Amino acid sequence: MGQSLPKCDVRDMSGFPSIATDERTSRDVSNVPEGDIRTSIQHEQRSLVLVRDAAQANNKIEPKLTLAKLRSRLVGIDERVWSKVAEGLRLAGLPD
């Protein structure tokens, strides 16, 4: 039937044993360790808190600031970056 060798005849490429094992070579990549997900969520939450705090502090300095006014001041900002900044500022309560 095909051209395969028995497992006892197949050798590693080097003198060292293969690093890959059945435990390490799972094809199920949808299972991300919960610790990694939790860390990512915590990081995002901290970032939102920082944005909120900064927006509240700025509101005391310049209470009539809006996203439109801020956007007009940031002429050279990349549009993708601005959309993320604007999203965070909206969540922090800065009006459009």
N, C-alpha and C. Protein backbone atom coordinates (compact mmCIF):
# COMPACT_ATOMS: atom_id res chain seq x y z
N MET A 1 0.83 -1.18 0.00
CA MET A 1 0.00 0.00 0.00
C MET A 1 0.88 1.24 0.00
N GLY A 2 1.05 2.18 0.33
CA GLY A 2 1.89 3.36 0.20
C GLY A 2 3.35 3.07 0.43
N GLN A 3 4.13 4.07 0.50
CA GLN A 3 5.56 3.91 0.68
C GLN A 3 5.97 4.40 2.06
N SER A 4 5.52 3.77 3.09
CA SER A 4 5.91 4.18 4.43
C SER A 4 6.75 3.10 5.08
N LEU A 5 7.64 3.52 5.94
CA LEU A 5 8.51 2.59 6.65
C LEU A 5 7.91 2.25 8.00
N PRO A 6 8.20 1.12 8.52
CA PRO A 6 7.76 0.84 9.88
C PRO A 6 8.41 1.84 10.84
N LYS A 7 7.73 2.15 11.94
CA LYS A 7 8.22 3.17 12.86
C LYS A 7 9.63 2.87 13.38
N CYS A 8 9.98 1.64 13.53
CA CYS A 8 11.31 1.31 14.03
C CYS A 8 12.41 1.68 13.03
N ASP A 9 12.06 1.87 11.74
CA ASP A 9 13.04 2.23 10.72
C ASP A 9 13.13 3.75 10.50
N VAL A 10 12.23 4.51 11.10
CA VAL A 10 12.25 5.97 10.94
C VAL A 10 13.14 6.55 12.02
N ARG A 11 14.12 7.36 11.63
CA ARG A 11 15.07 7.93 12.58
C ARG A 11 14.91 9.45 12.65
N ASP A 12 15.29 10.03 13.78
CA ASP A 12 15.28 11.49 13.92
C ASP A 12 16.30 12.10 12.97
N MET A 13 16.13 13.39 12.72
CA MET A 13 17.05 14.09 11.83
C MET A 13 18.41 14.31 12.49
N SER A 14 18.46 14.39 13.81
CA SER A 14 19.74 14.59 14.49
C SER A 14 19.93 13.49 15.52
N GLY A 15 21.04 13.57 16.24
CA GLY A 15 21.30 12.58 17.27
C GLY A 15 20.48 12.82 18.52
N PHE A 16 19.84 14.00 18.63
CA PHE A 16 19.01 14.33 19.79
C PHE A 16 17.60 13.80 19.59
N PRO A 17 16.94 13.44 20.65
CA PRO A 17 15.55 12.99 20.50
C PRO A 17 14.65 14.13 20.04
N SER A 18 13.58 13.78 19.40
CA SER A 18 12.63 14.78 18.92
C SER A 18 12.02 15.53 20.08
N ILE A 19 11.89 16.84 19.95
CA ILE A 19 11.32 17.66 21.02
C ILE A 19 9.80 17.50 21.05
N ALA A 20 9.19 17.35 19.90
CA ALA A 20 7.74 17.25 19.83
C ALA A 20 7.27 15.93 20.45
N THR A 21 6.25 16.03 21.27
CA THR A 21 5.65 14.84 21.87
C THR A 21 4.16 14.91 21.67
N ASP A 22 3.47 13.84 21.99
CA ASP A 22 2.01 13.85 21.86
C ASP A 22 1.38 14.93 22.72
N GLU A 23 1.95 15.20 23.92
CA GLU A 23 1.37 16.20 24.81
C GLU A 23 1.52 17.61 24.23
N ARG A 24 2.61 17.86 23.51
CA ARG A 24 2.90 19.21 23.04
C ARG A 24 2.35 19.50 21.67
N THR A 25 1.97 18.52 20.91
CA THR A 25 1.55 18.76 19.53
C THR A 25 0.05 18.55 19.36
N SER A 26 -0.72 19.30 20.11
CA SER A 26 -2.17 19.23 19.98
C SER A 26 -2.60 20.05 18.77
N ARG A 27 -3.50 19.50 18.00
CA ARG A 27 -4.03 20.24 16.84
C ARG A 27 -5.18 21.15 17.26
N ASP A 28 -5.61 21.07 18.49
CA ASP A 28 -6.72 21.87 18.98
C ASP A 28 -6.17 23.20 19.50
N VAL A 29 -6.14 24.22 18.62
CA VAL A 29 -5.57 25.51 19.00
C VAL A 29 -6.63 26.45 19.59
N SER A 30 -7.84 25.99 19.70
CA SER A 30 -8.89 26.85 20.26
C SER A 30 -8.82 26.90 21.78
N ASN A 31 -8.06 26.01 22.38
CA ASN A 31 -7.97 25.98 23.84
C ASN A 31 -6.80 26.83 24.31
N VAL A 32 -7.05 28.11 24.52
CA VAL A 32 -6.03 29.01 25.05
C VAL A 32 -6.08 28.89 26.56
N PRO A 33 -4.94 28.77 27.22
CA PRO A 33 -4.96 28.64 28.69
C PRO A 33 -5.71 29.81 29.33
N GLU A 34 -6.53 29.50 30.33
CA GLU A 34 -7.35 30.53 30.98
C GLU A 34 -6.50 31.65 31.55
N GLY A 35 -5.33 31.33 32.04
CA GLY A 35 -4.45 32.36 32.60
C GLY A 35 -4.10 33.43 31.58
N ASP A 36 -3.86 33.01 30.33
CA ASP A 36 -3.53 33.97 29.27
C ASP A 36 -4.71 34.87 28.97
N ILE A 37 -5.90 34.30 28.91
CA ILE A 37 -7.10 35.08 28.63
C ILE A 37 -7.36 36.05 29.78
N ARG A 38 -7.25 35.56 31.00
CA ARG A 38 -7.49 36.40 32.17
C ARG A 38 -6.51 37.56 32.22
N THR A 39 -5.24 37.30 31.92
CA THR A 39 -4.23 38.35 31.93
C THR A 39 -4.55 39.41 30.88
N SER A 40 -4.98 38.97 29.70
CA SER A 40 -5.33 39.90 28.63
C SER A 40 -6.51 40.78 29.02
N ILE A 41 -7.52 40.18 29.62
CA ILE A 41 -8.71 40.94 30.05
C ILE A 41 -8.33 41.93 31.14
N GLN A 42 -7.51 41.51 32.09
CA GLN A 42 -7.10 42.41 33.18
C GLN A 42 -6.30 43.58 32.63
N HIS A 43 -5.44 43.32 31.64
CA HIS A 43 -4.66 44.40 31.04
C HIS A 43 -5.58 45.40 30.35
N GLU A 44 -6.57 44.90 29.63
CA GLU A 44 -7.50 45.79 28.94
C GLU A 44 -8.32 46.60 29.94
N GLN A 45 -8.74 45.97 31.03
CA GLN A 45 -9.50 46.69 32.06
C GLN A 45 -8.66 47.80 32.68
N ARG A 46 -7.38 47.50 32.96
CA ARG A 46 -6.49 48.54 33.52
C ARG A 46 -6.33 49.69 32.54
N SER A 47 -6.23 49.38 31.26
CA SER A 47 -6.09 50.43 30.25
C SER A 47 -7.33 51.31 30.21
N LEU A 48 -8.51 50.69 30.29
CA LEU A 48 -9.74 51.48 30.28
C LEU A 48 -9.85 52.36 31.52
N VAL A 49 -9.41 51.86 32.65
CA VAL A 49 -9.42 52.66 33.89
C VAL A 49 -8.49 53.86 33.74
N LEU A 50 -7.33 53.65 33.17
CA LEU A 50 -6.39 54.75 32.97
C LEU A 50 -6.96 55.81 32.02
N VAL A 51 -7.60 55.36 30.95
CA VAL A 51 -8.22 56.30 30.00
C VAL A 51 -9.35 57.07 30.69
N ARG A 52 -10.17 56.35 31.46
CA ARG A 52 -11.27 57.01 32.17
C ARG A 52 -10.74 58.07 33.13
N ASP A 53 -9.72 57.71 33.91
CA ASP A 53 -9.15 58.65 34.87
C ASP A 53 -8.55 59.87 34.18
N ALA A 54 -7.87 59.63 33.06
CA ALA A 54 -7.28 60.75 32.32
C ALA A 54 -8.36 61.65 31.75
N ALA A 55 -9.44 61.06 31.23
CA ALA A 55 -10.53 61.85 30.68
C ALA A 55 -11.21 62.67 31.76
N GLN A 56 -11.39 62.09 32.94
CA GLN A 56 -12.01 62.83 34.05
C GLN A 56 -11.12 63.98 34.50
N ALA A 57 -9.81 63.74 34.57
CA ALA A 57 -8.88 64.80 34.95
C ALA A 57 -8.88 65.91 33.91
N ASN A 58 -8.91 65.54 32.63
CA ASN A 58 -8.93 66.53 31.56
C ASN A 58 -10.24 67.32 31.57
N ASN A 59 -11.33 66.66 31.95
CA ASN A 59 -12.62 67.33 32.00
C ASN A 59 -12.60 68.49 32.99
N LYS A 60 -11.80 68.36 34.05
CA LYS A 60 -11.68 69.45 35.02
C LYS A 60 -10.89 70.61 34.42
N ILE A 61 -9.93 70.31 33.55
CA ILE A 61 -9.10 71.35 32.93
C ILE A 61 -9.83 72.00 31.76
N GLU A 62 -10.45 71.19 30.93
CA GLU A 62 -11.14 71.68 29.73
C GLU A 62 -12.50 71.02 29.61
N PRO A 63 -13.49 71.53 30.36
CA PRO A 63 -14.79 70.85 30.43
C PRO A 63 -15.56 70.79 29.11
N LYS A 64 -15.26 71.65 28.14
CA LYS A 64 -16.01 71.66 26.89
C LYS A 64 -15.32 70.87 25.78
N LEU A 65 -14.34 70.06 26.13
CA LEU A 65 -13.64 69.26 25.12
C LEU A 65 -14.55 68.16 24.60
N THR A 66 -14.54 67.99 23.29
CA THR A 66 -15.31 66.92 22.64
C THR A 66 -14.35 66.12 21.77
N LEU A 67 -14.81 64.97 21.31
CA LEU A 67 -14.00 64.17 20.40
C LEU A 67 -13.72 64.94 19.10
N ALA A 68 -14.68 65.68 18.62
CA ALA A 68 -14.48 66.44 17.38
C ALA A 68 -13.38 67.49 17.56
N LYS A 69 -13.40 68.19 18.68
CA LYS A 69 -12.35 69.20 18.94
C LYS A 69 -10.99 68.54 19.06
N LEU A 70 -10.94 67.43 19.78
CA LEU A 70 -9.67 66.74 19.96
C LEU A 70 -9.15 66.21 18.63
N ARG A 71 -10.03 65.68 17.80
CA ARG A 71 -9.65 65.15 16.49
C ARG A 71 -9.06 66.24 15.62
N SER A 72 -9.63 67.44 15.69
CA SER A 72 -9.11 68.54 14.87
C SER A 72 -7.71 68.97 15.31
N ARG A 73 -7.35 68.69 16.55
CA ARG A 73 -6.02 69.03 17.06
C ARG A 73 -4.98 67.97 16.69
N LEU A 74 -5.43 66.76 16.46
CA LEU A 74 -4.52 65.65 16.16
C LEU A 74 -4.48 65.39 14.66
N VAL A 75 -3.95 66.31 13.93
CA VAL A 75 -3.99 66.27 12.47
C VAL A 75 -3.25 65.06 11.89
N GLY A 76 -2.07 64.73 12.38
CA GLY A 76 -1.27 63.69 11.76
C GLY A 76 -1.47 62.29 12.30
N ILE A 77 -2.46 62.08 13.16
CA ILE A 77 -2.64 60.77 13.78
C ILE A 77 -3.21 59.77 12.78
N ASP A 78 -2.69 58.56 12.81
CA ASP A 78 -3.18 57.48 11.95
C ASP A 78 -4.64 57.20 12.28
N GLU A 79 -5.43 56.97 11.25
CA GLU A 79 -6.88 56.77 11.45
C GLU A 79 -7.21 55.56 12.32
N ARG A 80 -6.43 54.48 12.17
CA ARG A 80 -6.67 53.29 13.00
C ARG A 80 -6.38 53.58 14.47
N VAL A 81 -5.32 54.34 14.70
CA VAL A 81 -4.97 54.71 16.08
C VAL A 81 -6.06 55.62 16.65
N TRP A 82 -6.50 56.59 15.85
CA TRP A 82 -7.53 57.51 16.32
C TRP A 82 -8.82 56.77 16.67
N SER A 83 -9.20 55.81 15.87
CA SER A 83 -10.46 55.10 16.14
C SER A 83 -10.38 54.37 17.48
N LYS A 84 -9.22 53.80 17.81
CA LYS A 84 -9.06 53.13 19.12
C LYS A 84 -9.08 54.15 20.25
N VAL A 85 -8.39 55.27 20.06
CA VAL A 85 -8.37 56.32 21.08
C VAL A 85 -9.78 56.86 21.30
N ALA A 86 -10.48 57.14 20.20
CA ALA A 86 -11.83 57.68 20.30
C ALA A 86 -12.77 56.69 20.99
N GLU A 87 -12.61 55.41 20.68
CA GLU A 87 -13.45 54.39 21.32
C GLU A 87 -13.24 54.40 22.83
N GLY A 88 -11.98 54.47 23.26
CA GLY A 88 -11.69 54.51 24.70
C GLY A 88 -12.22 55.76 25.34
N LEU A 89 -12.09 56.90 24.65
CA LEU A 89 -12.58 58.17 25.21
C LEU A 89 -14.11 58.20 25.28
N ARG A 90 -14.77 57.59 24.31
CA ARG A 90 -16.23 57.49 24.39
C ARG A 90 -16.65 56.67 25.60
N LEU A 91 -15.96 55.54 25.80
CA LEU A 91 -16.25 54.71 26.97
C LEU A 91 -15.98 55.45 28.27
N ALA A 92 -15.02 56.37 28.23
CA ALA A 92 -14.70 57.17 29.41
C ALA A 92 -15.66 58.32 29.62
N GLY A 93 -16.53 58.56 28.64
CA GLY A 93 -17.55 59.59 28.81
C GLY A 93 -17.33 60.88 28.05
N LEU A 94 -16.30 60.95 27.21
CA LEU A 94 -16.07 62.17 26.43
C LEU A 94 -17.12 62.26 25.32
N PRO A 95 -17.83 63.38 25.22
CA PRO A 95 -18.88 63.49 24.20
C PRO A 95 -18.29 63.62 22.80
N ASP A 96 -19.12 63.23 21.81
CA ASP A 96 -18.70 63.32 20.40
C ASP A 96 -18.61 64.77 19.99
